[in-house]
Protein backbone atom coordinates (compact mmCIF):
# COMPACT_ATOMS: atom_id res chain seq x y z
CA MET A 1 -37.98 1.94 108.70
CA LYS A 2 -38.74 -0.87 111.11
CA GLU A 3 -36.15 -3.60 111.44
CA PHE A 4 -37.59 -7.08 111.28
CA ASP A 5 -36.39 -10.31 112.79
CA ILE A 6 -36.61 -13.43 110.64
CA ASN A 7 -38.78 -14.97 113.38
CA ASP A 8 -41.42 -12.29 112.74
CA PHE A 9 -42.41 -14.26 109.65
CA THR A 10 -43.69 -17.70 108.74
CA VAL A 11 -42.60 -17.61 105.13
CA LEU A 12 -39.91 -15.72 103.24
CA VAL A 13 -40.66 -15.05 99.58
CA GLY A 14 -38.35 -13.76 96.89
CA ILE A 15 -39.79 -12.43 93.64
CA ASP A 16 -37.88 -11.79 90.46
CA TRP A 17 -39.99 -9.28 88.58
CA ALA A 18 -40.32 -9.32 84.80
CA ASP A 19 -42.80 -7.87 82.34
CA LYS A 20 -44.28 -11.23 81.25
CA LYS A 21 -43.85 -13.38 84.37
CA HIS A 22 -42.54 -13.38 87.93
CA ASP A 23 -40.30 -16.15 89.27
CA VAL A 24 -41.04 -16.89 92.91
CA CYS A 25 -39.23 -18.80 95.65
CA GLU A 26 -41.02 -19.47 98.95
CA HIS A 27 -39.17 -20.69 102.05
CA VAL A 28 -41.00 -21.77 105.21
CA ILE A 29 -39.00 -20.63 108.26
CA GLY A 30 -37.65 -23.50 110.36
CA THR A 31 -37.71 -26.01 107.51
CA SER A 32 -35.50 -26.92 104.60
CA LYS A 33 -38.45 -26.66 102.22
CA TYR A 34 -38.45 -24.37 99.19
CA HIS A 35 -41.28 -23.98 96.74
CA TYR A 36 -40.59 -22.49 93.30
CA SER A 37 -43.28 -21.16 91.01
CA VAL A 38 -43.94 -18.81 88.14
CA ILE A 39 -46.72 -16.22 88.15
CA LEU A 40 -47.93 -14.50 85.02
CA SER A 41 -47.62 -10.71 85.17
CA LYS A 42 -51.38 -10.28 85.07
CA PRO A 43 -53.13 -8.72 88.09
CA GLU A 44 -55.48 -11.71 88.36
CA SER A 45 -52.58 -14.17 88.50
CA LEU A 46 -50.78 -12.17 91.16
CA HIS A 47 -53.96 -11.88 93.24
CA GLU A 48 -54.60 -15.64 93.02
CA TRP A 49 -51.05 -16.36 94.19
CA VAL A 50 -51.25 -13.87 97.09
CA MET A 51 -54.57 -15.32 98.22
CA SER A 52 -53.16 -18.85 97.99
CA LEU A 53 -50.45 -17.77 100.45
CA LYS A 54 -53.11 -16.44 102.81
CA LYS A 55 -55.01 -19.73 102.56
CA ARG A 56 -51.90 -21.88 103.09
CA TYR A 57 -50.65 -19.78 106.02
CA PRO A 58 -53.78 -18.37 107.70
CA GLY A 59 -53.20 -15.60 110.21
CA ARG A 60 -49.47 -15.55 109.48
CA THR A 61 -47.21 -12.76 108.32
CA ILE A 62 -45.27 -13.34 105.11
CA ALA A 63 -42.13 -11.44 104.10
CA VAL A 64 -41.72 -10.62 100.42
CA ALA A 65 -38.31 -9.48 99.25
CA CYS A 66 -38.52 -7.20 96.25
CA GLU A 67 -35.81 -5.93 93.96
CA LEU A 68 -37.82 -2.79 93.14
CA THR A 69 -39.14 -0.13 95.52
CA LYS A 70 -41.90 1.13 93.26
CA GLY A 71 -43.87 0.10 90.22
CA PRO A 72 -46.89 -2.03 89.37
CA LEU A 73 -45.75 -5.11 91.30
CA ILE A 74 -45.06 -3.14 94.49
CA TYR A 75 -48.35 -1.28 94.17
CA ALA A 76 -50.24 -4.55 93.70
CA LEU A 77 -48.56 -6.32 96.64
CA SER A 78 -48.81 -3.39 99.06
CA LYS A 79 -52.58 -3.73 99.41
CA TYR A 80 -52.41 -7.10 101.20
CA ASP A 81 -52.17 -6.92 104.99
CA HIS A 82 -50.65 -10.41 105.41
CA LEU A 83 -47.59 -9.41 103.35
CA VAL A 84 -44.65 -7.30 104.52
CA LEU A 85 -42.60 -5.93 101.64
CA LEU A 86 -38.87 -5.83 102.23
CA PHE A 87 -36.57 -3.86 99.95
CA ASN A 88 -32.90 -4.31 99.29
């Protein structure tokens, strides 16, 4: 598994997975800014959120910390090339 440096990323994202919703915290590297949001656990909602990240940070790599290593959320997020999934 490749080791990453925090400077490899523009944004660090933490997701707390749940069956009805996902709580999300986004942190832009080099700032003191945090953005909190809630995403419904529907594929369309997750896709809209992922694409909003791509639009807000074009051409940038985004780290997503996940508490799970497999499952529907991981499968859904793994198809986006601007996200790097990091597991505990």
